[in-house]
Amino acid sequence: MGDRSPPRQLQVHPQQRSYLQDPTWKLSGGRHVEHQHQTGGPSASKIIAVVTLVPVGGTLLGLSGLTLAATLFGLAVSTPVFLLFSPVIVPAAVAILLAITAFLTSGVFGLTALSSLSWVYRYIRRATGTVPEQMDMAKRRMQDMAGYVGQKTKEVGQEIQSRAQEGRRSTTTEQRT
């Protein structure tokens, strides 16, 4: 039990509020204003905010009410018209939808064709760009091979000629004896 450390004390320091957390800092335009004892009434800035926002809010609320009323009136008037003409309107809408779809599809197919043709053109251009180089290399190989065959033919011809001369010499020496 003697190896226990003595109890430690925890000290708590109150946090100081910064100027940015102070509500008077923001309302005073960034200047620090000493806290004054307020009498409980609203400040001048709050009164100006309420006086400004009440007419704006009321106007926006009135406009939204008018929009709702106009929407309901339009729906009430147009619903019977839609029901009466639905046998004509629905097929017309389907036809227009199909026409738009066909137009967009043809555009996509056209873009696909153009990109495919562009790819083929670039591929052929790259392929034809290397053909002359390959032809030159093939010509050089053929010339080298022709030179090699010519040299071998010449050597074989000389070999045959030397053997033929030896054969003549041997036959003439045999005839003399």
N, C-alpha and C. Protein backbone atom coordinates (compact mmCIF):
# COMPACT_ATOMS: atom_id res chain seq x y z
N MET A 1 0.81 -1.19 0.00
CA MET A 1 0.00 0.00 0.00
C MET A 1 0.85 1.25 0.00
N GLY A 2 2.10 1.12 0.22
CA GLY A 2 2.97 2.27 0.27
C GLY A 2 3.35 2.77 -1.12
N ASP A 3 3.03 1.99 -2.16
CA ASP A 3 3.43 2.39 -3.52
C ASP A 3 2.36 3.22 -4.23
N ARG A 4 1.34 3.62 -3.58
CA ARG A 4 0.30 4.45 -4.18
C ARG A 4 0.75 5.90 -4.24
N SER A 5 0.43 6.56 -5.34
CA SER A 5 0.80 7.97 -5.46
C SER A 5 -0.24 8.83 -4.76
N PRO A 6 0.16 10.00 -4.34
CA PRO A 6 -0.79 10.87 -3.64
C PRO A 6 -1.87 11.35 -4.60
N PRO A 7 -3.07 11.63 -4.14
CA PRO A 7 -4.15 12.09 -5.02
C PRO A 7 -3.80 13.44 -5.65
N ARG A 8 -4.21 13.61 -6.88
CA ARG A 8 -3.92 14.85 -7.60
C ARG A 8 -5.14 15.75 -7.58
N GLN A 9 -4.88 17.03 -7.64
CA GLN A 9 -5.97 17.98 -7.64
C GLN A 9 -6.17 18.50 -9.05
N LEU A 10 -7.40 18.67 -9.41
CA LEU A 10 -7.75 19.18 -10.73
C LEU A 10 -8.18 20.63 -10.58
N GLN A 11 -7.51 21.51 -11.35
CA GLN A 11 -7.86 22.93 -11.28
C GLN A 11 -8.66 23.28 -12.53
N VAL A 12 -9.77 23.95 -12.33
CA VAL A 12 -10.64 24.37 -13.42
C VAL A 12 -10.56 25.88 -13.52
N HIS A 13 -10.20 26.35 -14.76
CA HIS A 13 -10.12 27.79 -14.99
C HIS A 13 -11.32 28.20 -15.82
N PRO A 14 -12.01 29.25 -15.44
CA PRO A 14 -13.15 29.69 -16.26
C PRO A 14 -12.64 30.23 -17.60
N GLN A 15 -13.40 29.90 -18.65
CA GLN A 15 -13.00 30.34 -19.98
C GLN A 15 -13.41 31.78 -20.18
N GLN A 16 -12.51 32.50 -20.86
CA GLN A 16 -12.84 33.88 -21.17
C GLN A 16 -13.51 33.90 -22.54
N ARG A 17 -14.52 34.71 -22.68
CA ARG A 17 -15.23 34.82 -23.95
C ARG A 17 -14.43 35.74 -24.86
N SER A 18 -14.33 35.33 -26.11
CA SER A 18 -13.61 36.17 -27.07
C SER A 18 -14.54 37.25 -27.59
N TYR A 19 -13.96 38.19 -28.30
CA TYR A 19 -14.76 39.27 -28.87
C TYR A 19 -15.73 38.73 -29.92
N LEU A 20 -15.34 37.67 -30.61
CA LEU A 20 -16.20 37.14 -31.67
C LEU A 20 -17.42 36.45 -31.12
N GLN A 21 -17.33 35.92 -29.88
CA GLN A 21 -18.47 35.25 -29.27
C GLN A 21 -19.43 36.24 -28.61
N ASP A 22 -18.99 37.44 -28.45
CA ASP A 22 -19.80 38.46 -27.78
C ASP A 22 -20.83 39.00 -28.76
N PRO A 23 -22.14 38.94 -28.45
CA PRO A 23 -23.16 39.41 -29.39
C PRO A 23 -23.05 40.90 -29.68
N THR A 24 -22.55 41.70 -28.75
CA THR A 24 -22.42 43.13 -29.02
C THR A 24 -21.29 43.41 -29.98
N TRP A 25 -20.36 42.50 -30.08
CA TRP A 25 -19.23 42.65 -31.03
C TRP A 25 -19.76 42.66 -32.46
N LYS A 26 -20.66 41.74 -32.76
CA LYS A 26 -21.19 41.64 -34.11
C LYS A 26 -22.12 42.80 -34.43
N LEU A 27 -22.91 43.23 -33.48
CA LEU A 27 -23.86 44.30 -33.73
C LEU A 27 -23.20 45.66 -33.79
N SER A 28 -22.02 45.79 -33.19
CA SER A 28 -21.37 47.09 -33.18
C SER A 28 -20.43 47.27 -34.35
N GLY A 29 -20.45 46.33 -35.31
CA GLY A 29 -19.62 46.48 -36.50
C GLY A 29 -18.17 46.13 -36.24
N GLY A 30 -17.87 45.30 -35.27
CA GLY A 30 -16.51 44.86 -35.00
C GLY A 30 -15.83 45.65 -33.89
N ARG A 31 -16.47 46.63 -33.35
CA ARG A 31 -15.87 47.39 -32.26
C ARG A 31 -16.33 46.79 -30.93
N HIS A 32 -15.44 46.75 -29.99
CA HIS A 32 -15.80 46.18 -28.69
C HIS A 32 -16.55 47.24 -27.89
N VAL A 33 -17.69 46.85 -27.44
CA VAL A 33 -18.52 47.75 -26.63
C VAL A 33 -18.63 47.14 -25.25
N GLU A 34 -18.38 47.93 -24.26
CA GLU A 34 -18.48 47.45 -22.89
C GLU A 34 -19.93 47.07 -22.61
N HIS A 35 -20.10 45.99 -21.85
CA HIS A 35 -21.46 45.56 -21.52
C HIS A 35 -22.15 46.63 -20.69
N GLN A 36 -23.30 47.01 -21.20
CA GLN A 36 -24.10 47.98 -20.47
C GLN A 36 -25.33 47.26 -19.94
N HIS A 37 -25.77 47.69 -18.83
CA HIS A 37 -26.97 47.08 -18.26
C HIS A 37 -28.17 47.50 -19.09
N GLN A 38 -28.81 46.49 -19.74
CA GLN A 38 -29.95 46.79 -20.58
C GLN A 38 -31.22 46.82 -19.72
N THR A 39 -32.13 47.66 -20.11
CA THR A 39 -33.36 47.83 -19.33
C THR A 39 -34.40 46.80 -19.68
N GLY A 40 -34.08 45.89 -20.60
CA GLY A 40 -35.02 44.85 -20.95
C GLY A 40 -35.77 45.15 -22.23
N GLY A 41 -35.70 46.34 -22.78
CA GLY A 41 -36.38 46.71 -24.01
C GLY A 41 -35.55 46.31 -25.23
N PRO A 42 -36.17 46.22 -26.39
CA PRO A 42 -35.44 45.86 -27.60
C PRO A 42 -34.50 46.99 -28.02
N SER A 43 -33.40 46.57 -28.66
CA SER A 43 -32.44 47.57 -29.11
C SER A 43 -32.92 48.18 -30.42
N ALA A 44 -32.25 49.24 -30.82
CA ALA A 44 -32.64 49.96 -32.04
C ALA A 44 -32.43 49.08 -33.27
N SER A 45 -31.37 48.27 -33.26
CA SER A 45 -31.12 47.42 -34.42
C SER A 45 -32.19 46.34 -34.57
N LYS A 46 -32.70 45.84 -33.46
CA LYS A 46 -33.77 44.85 -33.53
C LYS A 46 -35.06 45.49 -34.05
N ILE A 47 -35.34 46.69 -33.65
CA ILE A 47 -36.55 47.38 -34.11
C ILE A 47 -36.46 47.65 -35.61
N ILE A 48 -35.27 48.06 -36.08
CA ILE A 48 -35.09 48.32 -37.52
C ILE A 48 -35.24 47.02 -38.31
N ALA A 49 -34.71 45.90 -37.76
CA ALA A 49 -34.83 44.62 -38.45
C ALA A 49 -36.29 44.20 -38.56
N VAL A 50 -37.05 44.35 -37.51
CA VAL A 50 -38.46 43.97 -37.53
C VAL A 50 -39.25 44.88 -38.47
N VAL A 51 -38.97 46.18 -38.44
CA VAL A 51 -39.68 47.13 -39.29
C VAL A 51 -39.37 46.84 -40.76
N THR A 52 -38.16 46.39 -41.06
CA THR A 52 -37.78 46.10 -42.44
C THR A 52 -38.33 44.75 -42.89
N LEU A 53 -38.26 43.74 -42.05
CA LEU A 53 -38.61 42.38 -42.46
C LEU A 53 -40.11 42.11 -42.48
N VAL A 54 -40.90 42.79 -41.69
CA VAL A 54 -42.35 42.53 -41.67
C VAL A 54 -42.99 42.86 -43.02
N PRO A 55 -42.73 44.02 -43.62
CA PRO A 55 -43.34 44.27 -44.94
C PRO A 55 -42.82 43.32 -46.02
N VAL A 56 -41.53 43.01 -45.99
CA VAL A 56 -40.98 42.09 -46.99
C VAL A 56 -41.59 40.71 -46.83
N GLY A 57 -41.67 40.20 -45.60
CA GLY A 57 -42.27 38.89 -45.35
C GLY A 57 -43.74 38.87 -45.71
N GLY A 58 -44.46 39.95 -45.39
CA GLY A 58 -45.89 40.02 -45.74
C GLY A 58 -46.10 40.03 -47.25
N THR A 59 -45.25 40.77 -47.96
CA THR A 59 -45.37 40.81 -49.42
C THR A 59 -45.12 39.43 -50.02
N LEU A 60 -44.06 38.75 -49.58
CA LEU A 60 -43.75 37.42 -50.09
C LEU A 60 -44.86 36.42 -49.75
N LEU A 61 -45.43 36.53 -48.56
CA LEU A 61 -46.53 35.64 -48.18
C LEU A 61 -47.75 35.90 -49.06
N GLY A 62 -48.06 37.16 -49.34
CA GLY A 62 -49.19 37.49 -50.23
C GLY A 62 -48.96 36.95 -51.64
N LEU A 63 -47.72 37.08 -52.18
CA LEU A 63 -47.42 36.57 -53.51
C LEU A 63 -47.54 35.04 -53.57
N SER A 64 -47.11 34.36 -52.52
CA SER A 64 -47.24 32.89 -52.52
C SER A 64 -48.71 32.49 -52.46
N GLY A 65 -49.54 33.25 -51.73
CA GLY A 65 -50.97 32.96 -51.71
C GLY A 65 -51.60 33.16 -53.07
N LEU A 66 -51.22 34.25 -53.77
CA LEU A 66 -51.73 34.49 -55.12
C LEU A 66 -51.31 33.38 -56.07
N THR A 67 -50.08 32.92 -55.96
CA THR A 67 -49.59 31.83 -56.81
C THR A 67 -50.39 30.56 -56.56
N LEU A 68 -50.67 30.24 -55.30
CA LEU A 68 -51.47 29.06 -54.98
C LEU A 68 -52.88 29.18 -55.54
N ALA A 69 -53.48 30.35 -55.40
CA ALA A 69 -54.84 30.55 -55.90
C ALA A 69 -54.88 30.43 -57.43
N ALA A 70 -53.89 31.01 -58.12
CA ALA A 70 -53.85 30.93 -59.58
C ALA A 70 -53.64 29.49 -60.03
N THR A 71 -52.82 28.74 -59.32
CA THR A 71 -52.58 27.34 -59.67
C THR A 71 -53.86 26.52 -59.51
N LEU A 72 -54.57 26.71 -58.41
CA LEU A 72 -55.82 25.98 -58.19
C LEU A 72 -56.88 26.36 -59.22
N PHE A 73 -56.97 27.63 -59.56
CA PHE A 73 -57.93 28.07 -60.57
C PHE A 73 -57.59 27.48 -61.94
N GLY A 74 -56.33 27.52 -62.31
CA GLY A 74 -55.89 26.94 -63.58
C GLY A 74 -56.15 25.45 -63.65
N LEU A 75 -55.92 24.75 -62.55
CA LEU A 75 -56.19 23.31 -62.50
C LEU A 75 -57.69 23.02 -62.62
N ALA A 76 -58.50 23.84 -61.96
CA ALA A 76 -59.95 23.64 -62.02
C ALA A 76 -60.47 23.89 -63.44
N VAL A 77 -59.92 24.84 -64.14
CA VAL A 77 -60.38 25.14 -65.50
C VAL A 77 -59.84 24.13 -66.50
N SER A 78 -58.58 23.72 -66.35
CA SER A 78 -57.95 22.88 -67.37
C SER A 78 -58.30 21.39 -67.22
N THR A 79 -58.72 20.95 -66.06
CA THR A 79 -59.03 19.53 -65.88
C THR A 79 -60.17 19.07 -66.80
N PRO A 80 -61.30 19.78 -66.88
CA PRO A 80 -62.34 19.33 -67.81
C PRO A 80 -61.88 19.37 -69.27
N VAL A 81 -61.07 20.37 -69.61
CA VAL A 81 -60.56 20.46 -70.98
C VAL A 81 -59.68 19.25 -71.29
N PHE A 82 -58.83 18.88 -70.37
CA PHE A 82 -57.98 17.70 -70.57
C PHE A 82 -58.81 16.43 -70.67
N LEU A 83 -59.85 16.31 -69.85
CA LEU A 83 -60.69 15.12 -69.92
C LEU A 83 -61.45 15.05 -71.24
N LEU A 84 -61.93 16.19 -71.72
CA LEU A 84 -62.66 16.22 -72.98
C LEU A 84 -61.76 15.86 -74.17
N PHE A 85 -60.58 16.45 -74.19
CA PHE A 85 -59.70 16.27 -75.34
C PHE A 85 -58.63 15.21 -75.13
N SER A 86 -58.72 14.40 -74.09
CA SER A 86 -57.70 13.38 -73.84
C SER A 86 -57.58 12.35 -74.96
N PRO A 87 -58.69 11.98 -75.66
CA PRO A 87 -58.51 11.05 -76.78
C PRO A 87 -57.64 11.63 -77.90
N VAL A 88 -57.55 12.96 -77.99
CA VAL A 88 -56.71 13.59 -79.00
C VAL A 88 -55.34 13.95 -78.42
N ILE A 89 -55.34 14.43 -77.19
CA ILE A 89 -54.11 14.93 -76.59
C ILE A 89 -53.12 13.80 -76.30
N VAL A 90 -53.60 12.69 -75.77
CA VAL A 90 -52.69 11.59 -75.40
C VAL A 90 -51.96 11.03 -76.62
N PRO A 91 -52.67 10.68 -77.72
CA PRO A 91 -51.91 10.20 -78.89
C PRO A 91 -50.98 11.26 -79.47
N ALA A 92 -51.40 12.53 -79.43
CA ALA A 92 -50.52 13.60 -79.93
C ALA A 92 -49.27 13.71 -79.06
N ALA A 93 -49.46 13.61 -77.75
CA ALA A 93 -48.30 13.68 -76.85
C ALA A 93 -47.37 12.49 -77.08
N VAL A 94 -47.94 11.30 -77.28
CA VAL A 94 -47.12 10.11 -77.55
C VAL A 94 -46.36 10.27 -78.86
N ALA A 95 -47.05 10.81 -79.90
CA ALA A 95 -46.40 11.01 -81.19
C ALA A 95 -45.26 12.02 -81.08
N ILE A 96 -45.49 13.10 -80.36
CA ILE A 96 -44.43 14.11 -80.18
C ILE A 96 -43.26 13.52 -79.40
N LEU A 97 -43.57 12.74 -78.37
CA LEU A 97 -42.52 12.11 -77.58
C LEU A 97 -41.70 11.15 -78.43
N LEU A 98 -42.37 10.36 -79.27
CA LEU A 98 -41.65 9.44 -80.15
C LEU A 98 -40.81 10.18 -81.19
N ALA A 99 -41.33 11.28 -81.71
CA ALA A 99 -40.57 12.08 -82.68
C ALA A 99 -39.31 12.66 -82.05
N ILE A 100 -39.45 13.18 -80.85
CA ILE A 100 -38.28 13.73 -80.15
C ILE A 100 -37.26 12.64 -79.87
N THR A 101 -37.75 11.47 -79.42
CA THR A 101 -36.85 10.35 -79.16
C THR A 101 -36.13 9.91 -80.42
N ALA A 102 -36.86 9.84 -81.55
CA ALA A 102 -36.23 9.45 -82.81
C ALA A 102 -35.19 10.47 -83.25
N PHE A 103 -35.49 11.74 -83.09
CA PHE A 103 -34.54 12.79 -83.47
C PHE A 103 -33.26 12.69 -82.64
N LEU A 104 -33.41 12.54 -81.33
CA LEU A 104 -32.24 12.43 -80.47
C LEU A 104 -31.44 11.15 -80.77
N THR A 105 -32.15 10.05 -81.04
CA THR A 105 -31.47 8.80 -81.36
C THR A 105 -30.69 8.92 -82.66
N SER A 106 -31.28 9.57 -83.67
CA SER A 106 -30.56 9.74 -84.93
C SER A 106 -29.32 10.61 -84.73
N GLY A 107 -29.42 11.61 -83.88
CA GLY A 107 -28.25 12.43 -83.57
C GLY A 107 -27.15 11.62 -82.90
N VAL A 108 -27.52 10.76 -81.96
CA VAL A 108 -26.53 9.92 -81.29
C VAL A 108 -25.89 8.95 -82.28
N PHE A 109 -26.72 8.36 -83.17
CA PHE A 109 -26.15 7.45 -84.18
C PHE A 109 -25.23 8.20 -85.13
N GLY A 110 -25.58 9.42 -85.48
CA GLY A 110 -24.72 10.23 -86.35
C GLY A 110 -23.38 10.52 -85.70
N LEU A 111 -23.40 10.89 -84.41
CA LEU A 111 -22.15 11.12 -83.69
C LEU A 111 -21.31 9.86 -83.59
N THR A 112 -21.98 8.73 -83.38
CA THR A 112 -21.26 7.45 -83.31
C THR A 112 -20.61 7.14 -84.65
N ALA A 113 -21.33 7.37 -85.74
CA ALA A 113 -20.78 7.11 -87.08
C ALA A 113 -19.59 8.02 -87.35
N LEU A 114 -19.73 9.30 -87.00
CA LEU A 114 -18.62 10.22 -87.24
C LEU A 114 -17.38 9.84 -86.43
N SER A 115 -17.58 9.45 -85.18
CA SER A 115 -16.42 9.06 -84.38
C SER A 115 -15.80 7.76 -84.90
N SER A 116 -16.63 6.83 -85.39
CA SER A 116 -16.10 5.59 -85.96
C SER A 116 -15.32 5.87 -87.24
N LEU A 117 -15.86 6.72 -88.12
CA LEU A 117 -15.15 7.07 -89.35
C LEU A 117 -13.85 7.81 -89.04
N SER A 118 -13.88 8.67 -88.05
CA SER A 118 -12.66 9.37 -87.65
C SER A 118 -11.61 8.39 -87.15
N TRP A 119 -12.03 7.39 -86.37
CA TRP A 119 -11.09 6.38 -85.89
C TRP A 119 -10.50 5.57 -87.05
N VAL A 120 -11.36 5.15 -88.00
CA VAL A 120 -10.88 4.38 -89.15
C VAL A 120 -9.90 5.21 -89.98
N TYR A 121 -10.22 6.50 -90.19
CA TYR A 121 -9.34 7.37 -90.96
C TYR A 121 -7.97 7.49 -90.29
N ARG A 122 -7.96 7.72 -88.97
CA ARG A 122 -6.68 7.81 -88.25
C ARG A 122 -5.91 6.50 -88.31
N TYR A 123 -6.62 5.38 -88.21
CA TYR A 123 -5.97 4.06 -88.25
C TYR A 123 -5.33 3.83 -89.61
N ILE A 124 -6.07 4.13 -90.68
CA ILE A 124 -5.54 3.93 -92.04
C ILE A 124 -4.38 4.89 -92.29
N ARG A 125 -4.51 6.11 -91.82
CA ARG A 125 -3.43 7.09 -92.02
C ARG A 125 -2.16 6.63 -91.32
N ARG A 126 -2.29 6.10 -90.10
CA ARG A 126 -1.12 5.58 -89.39
C ARG A 126 -0.54 4.38 -90.12
N ALA A 127 -1.42 3.51 -90.63
CA ALA A 127 -0.95 2.29 -91.31
C ALA A 127 -0.26 2.64 -92.62
N THR A 128 -0.80 3.59 -93.39
CA THR A 128 -0.16 3.96 -94.66
C THR A 128 1.10 4.76 -94.43
N GLY A 129 1.23 5.38 -93.31
CA GLY A 129 2.45 6.13 -93.00
C GLY A 129 3.63 5.20 -92.80
N THR A 130 3.39 3.98 -92.34
CA THR A 130 4.49 3.05 -92.09
C THR A 130 4.74 2.13 -93.28
N VAL A 131 3.83 2.06 -94.26
CA VAL A 131 4.01 1.17 -95.41
C VAL A 131 5.22 1.55 -96.24
N PRO A 132 5.47 2.81 -96.58
CA PRO A 132 6.67 3.13 -97.36
C PRO A 132 7.96 2.72 -96.63
N GLU A 133 7.98 2.90 -95.32
CA GLU A 133 9.16 2.48 -94.56
C GLU A 133 9.33 0.97 -94.65
N GLN A 134 8.24 0.23 -94.54
CA GLN A 134 8.32 -1.23 -94.63
C GLN A 134 8.72 -1.66 -96.03
N MET A 135 8.22 -0.94 -97.05
CA MET A 135 8.60 -1.27 -98.44
C MET A 135 10.08 -1.02 -98.67
N ASP A 136 10.60 0.07 -98.16
CA ASP A 136 12.03 0.35 -98.30
C ASP A 136 12.86 -0.73 -97.63
N MET A 137 12.43 -1.15 -96.44
CA MET A 137 13.16 -2.20 -95.73
C MET A 137 13.11 -3.51 -96.52
N ALA A 138 11.95 -3.82 -97.08
CA ALA A 138 11.82 -5.06 -97.87
C ALA A 138 12.68 -4.97 -99.12
N LYS A 139 12.75 -3.82 -99.76
CA LYS A 139 13.61 -3.65 -100.94
C LYS A 139 15.07 -3.88 -100.58
N ARG A 140 15.50 -3.31 -99.46
CA ARG A 140 16.90 -3.49 -99.02
C ARG A 140 17.18 -4.96 -98.75
N ARG A 141 16.24 -5.64 -98.11
CA ARG A 141 16.45 -7.07 -97.85
C ARG A 141 16.54 -7.86 -99.15
N MET A 142 15.67 -7.53 -100.10
CA MET A 142 15.71 -8.23 -101.40
C MET A 142 17.04 -7.95 -102.12
N GLN A 143 17.50 -6.70 -102.06
CA GLN A 143 18.78 -6.38 -102.70
C GLN A 143 19.92 -7.13 -102.03
N ASP A 144 19.90 -7.16 -100.70
CA ASP A 144 20.94 -7.91 -99.99
C ASP A 144 20.89 -9.38 -100.35
N MET A 145 19.68 -9.95 -100.39
CA MET A 145 19.52 -11.36 -100.74
C MET A 145 19.96 -11.61 -102.18
N ALA A 146 19.61 -10.71 -103.09
CA ALA A 146 20.03 -10.86 -104.48
C ALA A 146 21.55 -10.78 -104.58
N GLY A 147 22.16 -9.87 -103.85
CA GLY A 147 23.63 -9.79 -103.85
C GLY A 147 24.26 -11.06 -103.30
N TYR A 148 23.68 -11.60 -102.22
CA TYR A 148 24.20 -12.82 -101.62
C TYR A 148 24.06 -13.99 -102.60
N VAL A 149 22.88 -14.11 -103.23
CA VAL A 149 22.66 -15.19 -104.20
C VAL A 149 23.60 -15.02 -105.40
N GLY A 150 23.80 -13.80 -105.86
CA GLY A 150 24.72 -13.55 -106.98
C GLY A 150 26.14 -13.94 -106.62
N GLN A 151 26.55 -13.61 -105.43
CA GLN A 151 27.91 -13.97 -104.98
C GLN A 151 28.06 -15.47 -104.89
N LYS A 152 27.04 -16.14 -104.32
CA LYS A 152 27.09 -17.60 -104.21
C LYS A 152 27.10 -18.23 -105.60
N THR A 153 26.27 -17.70 -106.50
CA THR A 153 26.23 -18.24 -107.86
C THR A 153 27.59 -18.07 -108.53
N LYS A 154 28.22 -16.94 -108.35
CA LYS A 154 29.53 -16.68 -108.93
C LYS A 154 30.56 -17.67 -108.37
N GLU A 155 30.50 -17.88 -107.03
CA GLU A 155 31.44 -18.82 -106.42
C GLU A 155 31.20 -20.23 -106.93
N VAL A 156 29.93 -20.64 -107.01
CA VAL A 156 29.62 -21.98 -107.51
C VAL A 156 30.05 -22.10 -108.97
N GLY A 157 29.82 -21.04 -109.75
CA GLY A 157 30.25 -21.07 -111.16
C GLY A 157 31.75 -21.20 -111.29
N GLN A 158 32.50 -20.50 -110.45
CA GLN A 158 33.96 -20.61 -110.48
C GLN A 158 34.40 -22.00 -110.04
N GLU A 159 33.69 -22.52 -109.06
CA GLU A 159 34.00 -23.89 -108.59
C GLU A 159 33.78 -24.89 -109.73
N ILE A 160 32.65 -24.75 -110.40
CA ILE A 160 32.35 -25.67 -111.52
C ILE A 160 33.38 -25.49 -112.63
N GLN A 161 33.75 -24.25 -112.91
CA GLN A 161 34.72 -23.98 -113.97
C GLN A 161 36.08 -24.56 -113.60
N SER A 162 36.48 -24.43 -112.37
CA SER A 162 37.78 -24.98 -111.97
C SER A 162 37.76 -26.50 -112.01
N ARG A 163 36.65 -27.13 -111.65
CA ARG A 163 36.56 -28.59 -111.73
C ARG A 163 36.55 -29.03 -113.19
N ALA A 164 35.88 -28.25 -114.01
CA ALA A 164 35.86 -28.61 -115.44
C ALA A 164 37.26 -28.52 -116.02
N GLN A 165 38.02 -27.52 -115.63
CA GLN A 165 39.38 -27.40 -116.12
C GLN A 165 40.24 -28.54 -115.60
N GLU A 166 40.05 -28.92 -114.38
CA GLU A 166 40.79 -30.05 -113.83
C GLU A 166 40.43 -31.33 -114.56
N GLY A 167 39.14 -31.46 -114.87
CA GLY A 167 38.69 -32.65 -115.61
C GLY A 167 39.31 -32.68 -117.00
N ARG A 168 39.47 -31.57 -117.67
CA ARG A 168 40.10 -31.53 -118.98
C ARG A 168 41.57 -31.87 -118.87
N ARG A 169 42.21 -31.33 -117.88
CA ARG A 169 43.63 -31.61 -117.71
C ARG A 169 43.86 -33.10 -117.46
N SER A 170 43.00 -33.66 -116.63
CA SER A 170 43.18 -35.09 -116.34
C SER A 170 42.92 -35.95 -117.55
N THR A 171 41.94 -35.56 -118.37
CA THR A 171 41.67 -36.35 -119.56
C THR A 171 42.78 -36.15 -120.61
N THR A 172 43.36 -35.01 -120.70
CA THR A 172 44.46 -34.81 -121.68
C THR A 172 45.72 -35.51 -121.20
N THR A 173 45.96 -35.58 -119.95
CA THR A 173 47.14 -36.31 -119.47
C THR A 173 46.94 -37.80 -119.61
N GLU A 174 45.76 -38.29 -119.53
CA GLU A 174 45.50 -39.71 -119.71
C GLU A 174 45.62 -40.06 -121.20
N GLN A 175 45.22 -39.21 -122.02
CA GLN A 175 45.33 -39.48 -123.45
C GLN A 175 46.78 -39.46 -123.89
N ARG A 176 47.60 -38.69 -123.34
CA ARG A 176 49.00 -38.64 -123.70
C ARG A 176 49.71 -39.87 -123.20
N THR A 177 49.36 -40.42 -122.24
CA THR A 177 50.05 -41.60 -121.79
C THR A 177 49.61 -42.83 -122.43
